[in-house]
Protein backbone atom coordinates (compact mmCIF):
# COMPACT_ATOMS: atom_id res chain seq x y z
CA MET A 1 -163.48 145.14 27.75
CA PRO A 2 -166.36 143.31 28.80
CA GLU A 3 -167.21 141.07 25.53
CA LYS A 4 -171.39 140.98 25.55
CA VAL A 5 -170.98 145.42 25.19
CA ILE A 6 -167.98 145.02 22.70
CA PRO A 7 -166.19 141.61 21.81
CA ILE A 8 -164.18 142.91 19.24
CA GLY A 9 -163.46 146.16 21.11
CA ARG A 10 -160.59 144.53 22.92
CA PRO A 11 -157.20 144.52 21.50
CA ALA A 12 -157.48 141.88 18.68
CA ALA A 13 -153.83 140.31 18.87
CA ALA A 14 -150.33 141.27 20.30
CA VAL A 15 -148.53 143.76 18.35
CA GLY A 16 -145.94 141.22 17.75
CA ARG A 17 -142.45 142.00 16.41
CA ALA A 18 -141.78 144.89 14.65
CA GLN A 19 -139.19 146.24 12.25
CA ARG A 20 -137.05 148.07 13.59
CA TYR A 21 -137.47 152.06 13.87
CA GLU A 22 -133.95 153.81 12.72
CA GLY A 23 -135.53 157.29 13.90
CA GLY A 24 -136.29 160.39 11.78
CA PRO A 25 -139.74 161.78 10.60
CA PHE A 26 -142.32 158.71 9.95
CA ALA A 27 -146.28 159.06 9.06
CA ASP A 28 -149.31 156.74 8.47
CA THR A 29 -150.35 155.42 4.98
CA LEU A 30 -151.98 158.40 4.02
CA GLY A 31 -149.26 160.81 5.04
CA ARG A 32 -150.16 161.58 8.60
CA SER A 33 -147.78 161.74 11.38
CA LEU A 34 -147.95 161.22 14.92
CA ARG A 35 -148.30 164.22 17.16
CA ASP A 36 -151.39 163.73 19.87
CA LEU A 37 -151.74 161.02 22.52
CA ARG A 38 -154.71 160.58 24.31
CA ILE A 39 -154.56 158.38 27.47
CA SER A 40 -157.66 156.77 29.07
CA VAL A 41 -157.16 156.23 32.91
CA THR A 42 -160.27 154.70 33.66
CA ASP A 43 -163.00 152.90 32.23
CA ARG A 44 -165.53 154.35 34.60
CA CYS A 45 -167.73 157.14 35.03
CA ASN A 46 -170.23 158.93 37.99
CA PHE A 47 -172.33 159.79 34.99
CA ARG A 48 -174.83 158.05 32.64
CA CYS A 49 -175.02 160.53 29.82
CA VAL A 50 -177.44 159.32 27.13
CA TYR A 51 -174.86 159.95 24.20
CA CYS A 52 -171.85 158.08 25.96
CA MET A 53 -172.82 155.49 28.48
CA PRO A 54 -176.64 155.34 28.56
CA ARG A 55 -178.03 153.13 31.63
CA GLU A 56 -179.50 150.78 30.02
CA ALA A 57 -176.18 149.34 28.87
CA PHE A 58 -174.05 150.50 31.61
CA GLY A 59 -176.09 149.51 34.26
CA ALA A 60 -175.43 148.42 37.96
CA ASP A 61 -173.95 144.87 37.07
CA TYR A 62 -171.73 146.36 34.47
CA PRO A 63 -168.34 144.18 34.48
CA PHE A 64 -165.94 147.39 34.54
CA LEU A 65 -162.18 146.40 34.23
CA PRO A 66 -160.57 144.63 37.85
CA HIS A 67 -157.68 146.71 38.76
CA ALA A 68 -154.83 144.63 38.25
CA GLU A 69 -156.04 145.50 34.23
CA ILE A 70 -155.41 148.68 34.45
CA LEU A 71 -152.15 150.17 33.65
CA ARG A 72 -150.28 151.30 36.35
CA PHE A 73 -149.10 154.44 36.57
CA GLU A 74 -145.55 153.83 35.92
CA GLU A 75 -146.75 151.71 33.26
CA ILE A 76 -148.57 154.94 31.63
CA ALA A 77 -145.45 157.23 32.07
CA ARG A 78 -143.22 154.65 30.52
CA LEU A 79 -145.29 154.58 27.39
CA ALA A 80 -146.14 158.41 27.04
CA ARG A 81 -141.97 158.79 27.39
CA ILE A 82 -141.36 156.69 24.38
CA LEU A 83 -144.22 158.33 22.73
CA VAL A 84 -143.18 161.27 22.96
CA GLY A 85 -139.74 160.27 21.75
CA LEU A 86 -141.83 159.48 18.91
CA GLY A 87 -143.05 162.81 18.46
CA VAL A 88 -145.88 163.44 20.47
CA ARG A 89 -146.48 166.97 21.62
CA LYS A 90 -149.72 166.82 23.13
CA ILE A 91 -150.98 164.65 25.89
CA ARG A 92 -154.29 164.51 26.89
CA LEU A 93 -155.94 162.50 29.80
CA THR A 94 -159.30 160.84 29.72
CA GLY A 95 -161.81 158.16 30.73
CA GLY A 96 -164.75 157.76 31.65
CA GLU A 97 -164.14 160.26 34.37
CA PRO A 98 -160.32 160.84 34.79
CA LEU A 99 -160.93 162.52 38.20
CA LEU A 100 -162.28 159.29 39.51
CA ARG A 101 -158.67 157.75 39.16
CA LYS A 102 -157.35 157.73 42.52
CA ASP A 103 -154.14 159.79 43.10
CA LEU A 104 -154.28 161.15 39.39
CA PRO A 105 -152.64 164.10 40.29
CA GLN A 106 -149.32 161.75 40.90
CA LEU A 107 -149.99 160.63 37.14
CA VAL A 108 -149.51 164.18 36.22
CA ALA A 109 -146.73 164.96 38.07
CA MET A 110 -144.87 161.87 36.29
CA LEU A 111 -145.92 163.10 32.86
CA ALA A 112 -145.31 166.83 33.27
CA PRO A 113 -141.14 166.60 33.02
CA LEU A 114 -141.78 165.13 29.40
CA GLY A 115 -142.23 168.04 28.07
CA ALA A 116 -145.72 168.14 26.15
CA GLU A 117 -148.44 170.00 26.20
CA LEU A 118 -150.66 168.50 29.09
CA ALA A 119 -154.35 168.64 29.42
CA LEU A 120 -157.40 166.42 30.81
CA THR A 121 -160.95 166.17 29.65
CA THR A 122 -163.20 165.99 32.73
CA ASN A 123 -167.18 166.16 33.39
CA GLY A 124 -166.13 168.57 36.19
CA SER A 125 -167.73 167.05 39.03
CA ALA A 126 -164.97 166.74 41.13
CA LEU A 127 -162.92 169.34 39.83
CA ALA A 128 -163.66 172.03 42.08
CA ARG A 129 -161.53 170.04 44.64
CA GLN A 130 -158.69 169.17 42.48
CA ALA A 131 -158.25 172.09 40.52
CA GLN A 132 -155.79 173.81 42.29
CA THR A 133 -153.30 170.28 42.81
CA LEU A 134 -153.91 169.32 39.10
CA ARG A 135 -151.89 172.65 38.48
CA LYS A 136 -149.15 172.48 41.02
CA ALA A 137 -148.54 168.74 39.50
CA GLY A 138 -147.93 170.51 36.12
CA LEU A 139 -151.57 170.17 34.08
CA HIS A 140 -151.50 172.81 31.81
CA ARG A 141 -155.18 173.10 30.85
CA VAL A 142 -158.63 171.38 30.87
CA THR A 143 -161.52 170.69 29.02
CA VAL A 144 -164.78 170.29 30.61
CA SER A 145 -167.81 168.56 29.07
CA LEU A 146 -170.82 170.79 29.66
CA ASP A 147 -174.22 170.10 27.68
CA SER A 148 -176.86 172.33 29.21
CA LEU A 149 -177.06 175.54 31.54
CA ASP A 150 -180.85 174.15 31.96
CA GLU A 151 -180.86 172.32 35.35
CA ALA A 152 -183.50 169.63 34.07
CA THR A 153 -182.14 169.42 30.91
CA PHE A 154 -178.28 168.69 32.62
CA ARG A 155 -179.57 165.87 35.24
CA ARG A 156 -181.57 164.10 32.27
CA ILE A 157 -178.57 164.21 30.17
CA ASN A 158 -176.18 163.11 32.65
CA ASP A 159 -178.95 160.70 34.42
CA ALA A 160 -177.03 160.91 37.56
CA ASP A 161 -179.37 163.70 38.94
CA PHE A 162 -176.26 165.62 39.09
CA PRO A 163 -176.50 169.45 39.05
CA VAL A 164 -175.20 172.14 37.02
CA ALA A 165 -174.09 174.24 39.78
CA ARG A 166 -171.43 172.14 40.89
CA VAL A 167 -169.75 171.93 37.28
CA LEU A 168 -169.87 175.41 37.15
CA GLU A 169 -167.94 175.81 40.51
CA GLY A 170 -165.46 173.11 38.91
CA ILE A 171 -164.80 175.33 35.71
CA GLU A 172 -164.68 178.64 37.99
CA ALA A 173 -161.84 177.01 40.46
CA ALA A 174 -159.95 175.41 37.41
CA THR A 175 -159.90 179.42 35.94
CA ARG A 176 -158.64 180.10 39.25
CA ALA A 177 -156.11 177.70 39.52
CA GLY A 178 -154.51 178.91 36.05
CA LEU A 179 -156.25 176.10 34.18
CA ALA A 180 -157.00 178.77 31.17
CA PRO A 181 -158.27 179.00 28.84
CA VAL A 182 -160.90 176.95 29.83
CA LYS A 183 -162.85 175.20 27.01
CA VAL A 184 -166.18 173.63 27.48
CA ASN A 185 -167.81 171.02 25.44
CA MET A 186 -171.31 170.58 24.59
CA VAL A 187 -172.36 167.64 22.52
CA VAL A 188 -175.51 168.81 20.75
CA LYS A 189 -177.89 166.39 19.78
CA ARG A 190 -181.37 167.19 18.05
CA GLY A 191 -184.51 167.08 20.31
CA MET A 192 -182.40 166.97 23.70
CA ASN A 193 -180.27 170.01 23.93
CA ASP A 194 -180.07 172.02 20.50
CA HIS A 195 -182.63 174.58 21.65
CA GLN A 196 -180.37 175.85 23.96
CA VAL A 197 -177.11 176.55 21.74
CA LEU A 198 -177.65 180.28 22.30
CA ASP A 199 -177.61 180.07 25.80
CA MET A 200 -174.44 178.10 25.91
CA ALA A 201 -173.18 180.88 23.40
CA ALA A 202 -174.39 183.86 25.45
CA TRP A 203 -172.81 182.24 28.66
CA GLY A 204 -169.59 181.72 26.96
CA ARG A 205 -169.32 185.44 25.96
CA GLN A 206 -170.28 186.37 29.40
CA THR A 207 -167.73 184.31 31.20
CA GLY A 208 -164.97 184.15 28.46
CA HIS A 209 -164.54 180.30 28.29
CA ILE A 210 -164.26 178.93 24.95
CA VAL A 211 -167.30 176.91 24.02
CA ARG A 212 -167.31 174.34 21.43
CA PHE A 213 -170.27 172.87 20.26
CA ILE A 214 -169.57 168.98 19.04
CA GLU A 215 -171.84 167.22 16.74
CA PHE A 216 -173.54 163.96 17.92
CA MET A 217 -171.30 161.25 17.11
CA ASP A 218 -171.83 157.47 16.26
CA VAL A 219 -168.74 156.35 18.58
CA GLY A 220 -169.41 152.93 20.26
CA SER A 221 -172.39 150.79 19.98
CA THR A 222 -174.78 151.40 22.58
CA ASN A 223 -175.78 155.21 21.72
CA GLY A 224 -178.42 154.62 19.59
CA TRP A 225 -176.87 156.95 16.80
CA ARG A 226 -178.98 158.22 14.24
CA MET A 227 -178.22 160.60 11.53
CA ASP A 228 -181.58 162.52 11.93
CA ASP A 229 -180.08 163.64 15.54
CA VAL A 230 -177.25 164.92 14.26
CA VAL A 231 -177.11 169.16 14.25
CA PRO A 232 -174.64 170.11 11.77
CA SER A 233 -172.11 172.37 12.87
CA ALA A 234 -172.96 174.47 9.92
CA GLU A 235 -176.35 174.93 11.43
CA ILE A 236 -174.87 175.97 14.73
CA VAL A 237 -172.63 178.35 13.43
CA ARG A 238 -175.95 180.07 11.51
CA ARG A 239 -177.91 180.17 14.56
CA ILE A 240 -175.23 181.92 16.77
CA SER A 241 -173.79 184.13 14.07
CA ALA A 242 -177.54 185.26 13.59
CA ARG A 243 -177.80 186.90 16.77
CA TRP A 244 -174.17 187.57 17.28
CA PRO A 245 -171.81 187.69 13.97
CA LEU A 246 -168.99 185.53 13.64
CA GLU A 247 -166.28 185.18 11.49
CA PRO A 248 -163.51 182.06 11.03
CA VAL A 249 -160.35 182.31 12.70
CA ASP A 250 -157.50 180.08 11.86
CA ALA A 251 -156.05 176.71 13.11
CA ASP A 252 -153.56 177.03 15.34
CA TYR A 253 -151.92 173.85 13.71
CA ARG A 254 -152.75 171.36 11.63
CA GLY A 255 -154.70 168.42 12.57
CA GLU A 256 -156.78 170.87 15.48
CA VAL A 257 -160.01 169.18 16.08
CA ALA A 258 -162.23 172.24 16.14
CA GLU A 259 -162.76 174.83 13.49
CA ARG A 260 -162.88 178.44 15.20
CA TRP A 261 -165.03 181.05 15.06
CA ARG A 262 -165.05 184.52 16.84
CA TYR A 263 -167.66 187.43 17.81
CA ARG A 264 -166.89 190.08 15.72
CA ASP A 265 -167.76 192.99 18.57
CA GLY A 266 -164.37 191.05 20.16
CA ALA A 267 -166.36 189.16 22.68
CA GLY A 268 -164.31 185.94 22.63
CA GLU A 269 -164.76 182.83 20.23
CA ILE A 270 -166.68 179.20 20.03
CA GLY A 271 -165.38 175.98 18.11
CA VAL A 272 -167.14 173.61 16.57
CA ILE A 273 -166.28 169.91 16.11
CA SER A 274 -167.84 168.57 13.14
CA SER A 275 -166.67 165.00 12.80
CA VAL A 276 -169.90 163.96 11.08
CA THR A 277 -170.45 166.70 8.36
CA GLN A 278 -167.03 167.93 7.58
CA ALA A 279 -165.19 164.98 8.54
CA PHE A 280 -161.23 165.92 9.16
CA CYS A 281 -159.67 162.54 8.81
CA ARG A 282 -157.13 163.72 6.85
CA ASP A 283 -155.49 165.69 9.38
CA CYS A 284 -156.18 163.24 12.09
CA THR A 285 -152.66 163.03 14.54
CA ARG A 286 -154.01 161.25 17.26
CA LEU A 287 -153.02 157.61 19.00
CA ARG A 288 -155.24 156.28 21.74
CA LEU A 289 -153.78 154.52 25.00
CA SER A 290 -156.79 152.30 26.57
CA THR A 291 -157.39 151.80 30.03
CA GLU A 292 -155.84 148.32 30.06
CA GLY A 293 -152.96 149.33 27.40
CA ALA A 294 -154.43 148.76 24.04
CA LEU A 295 -153.64 150.91 21.26
CA TYR A 296 -156.26 152.43 18.93
CA THR A 297 -155.35 154.62 16.11
CA CYS A 298 -159.28 156.02 15.70
CA LEU A 299 -162.25 156.93 17.94
CA PHE A 300 -164.24 154.87 15.91
CA ALA A 301 -161.80 151.48 15.70
CA THR A 302 -162.74 148.20 15.88
CA ARG A 303 -159.73 146.71 17.29
CA GLY A 304 -156.67 147.57 19.60
CA TYR A 305 -153.17 146.60 19.79
CA ASP A 306 -152.07 144.95 22.85
CA LEU A 307 -149.25 146.99 24.33
CA LYS A 308 -149.79 145.64 27.80
CA ARG A 309 -148.56 142.38 26.80
CA LEU A 310 -145.28 144.04 25.74
CA VAL A 311 -145.15 146.43 28.92
CA ARG A 312 -145.47 143.54 31.27
CA GLY A 313 -143.84 140.68 28.84
CA GLY A 314 -140.40 142.65 29.73
CA ALA A 315 -140.17 144.20 26.31
CA SER A 316 -137.56 147.01 26.00
CA ASP A 317 -138.44 150.40 25.51
CA GLU A 318 -136.97 149.87 21.72
CA GLU A 319 -139.18 146.83 21.17
CA ILE A 320 -142.47 149.10 22.37
CA ARG A 321 -141.48 151.87 20.36
CA ASP A 322 -140.68 149.62 17.24
CA ALA A 323 -143.92 148.44 17.89
CA ILE A 324 -145.79 151.39 17.88
CA VAL A 325 -144.09 152.50 15.08
CA ALA A 326 -145.13 149.79 12.90
CA VAL A 327 -148.89 149.73 13.89
CA TRP A 328 -148.82 153.82 12.95
CA ARG A 329 -147.39 153.32 9.43
CA ALA A 330 -149.65 150.77 8.88
CA ARG A 331 -152.78 153.22 10.17
CA ALA A 332 -155.19 153.72 7.03
CA ASP A 333 -158.10 154.81 9.33
CA ARG A 334 -160.30 157.59 7.91
CA TYR A 335 -163.74 156.25 9.35
CA SER A 336 -165.45 159.77 9.28
CA GLU A 337 -164.74 160.39 5.63
CA ILE A 338 -166.38 156.99 4.45
CA ARG A 339 -169.62 156.77 7.43
CA THR A 340 -172.43 155.66 5.80
CA ALA A 341 -175.76 154.42 7.89
CA GLU A 342 -174.43 150.66 7.76
CA THR A 343 -171.03 151.39 9.04
CA ALA A 344 -172.87 153.41 11.69
CA LYS A 345 -173.99 149.87 13.04
CA GLN A 346 -170.93 148.01 13.39
CA ARG A 347 -169.90 147.24 16.31
CA LYS A 348 -167.01 149.59 17.59
CA VAL A 349 -165.27 150.66 20.89
CA GLU A 350 -166.63 152.63 23.45
CA MET A 351 -165.85 155.92 23.91
CA SER A 352 -165.75 155.57 27.90
CA TYR A 353 -163.32 152.95 27.22
CA ILE A 354 -160.85 155.01 25.01
CA GLY A 355 -162.02 158.77 25.74
CA GLY A 356 -163.06 161.14 23.67
């Protein structure tokens, strides 16, 4: 992680020798089990979205990770196998933009036999040409980021002059390939795209895709977050329900990120992700593996744990397993529950480095 951007984003120290894990259930300090693994396969992205990788911070001279520092597919698969053995049931590939990682379907094929649900989050720019290959390799489903259907607004947000139509083509290609139901994430920022919430909801009703509205979050240190820019999920639900009445849907499992709502007329459902106004830290079961092999226990983390040192230093699977268990057992993160104007200013790991 380039130090001039977020120096404390690099692993603070090696995990070190941990107490041996003897098997069975284990939890963190708040009683949360480990269920979900998010793997960032690249810190690069071809978009410069204003809420994630603003161009003024991630310009042409930005020092992305050199190839030698990035985990190899074999190393990722090894760590994923160890983590599945510890209870992980869902693996999500992220970035940056994961489809920029060369030969990504090969990694999918290596992870598929582990038996975990395998998903991917993408900006959709390269999805049309890769969807079928990814499905054949073993990917189960895909989530696409799409912050506006309006051409001018979308190009302004992605700051890469990328057209909406090509993302929509990717979504339809994913649907045809069997990567359904496709979920579509819209980060809602007041004054940027909140006036298009109903348009996105109408599109979801028409196409059958599940649109999820995400509160603008203070991830990292470069997106200029302000509480005034947050559109609370409750407001979004009220807006949509005033047009098409909604009713709540029970969560599929404990720790599900999105709060689900369905249309009373049967035209599908939406989700809202309320990390700012309705923190769900108490049920968080997610662990994140960065592009260069650092383990992070929170999206808003200020430090990580260097698993790559163990992987490339000759550690056994058991030693790596014990180190992961020790990190999880010490976990006490609940950032969104204790967020203040001051904590929002803290230097934190960038979302483009560890995925959303």
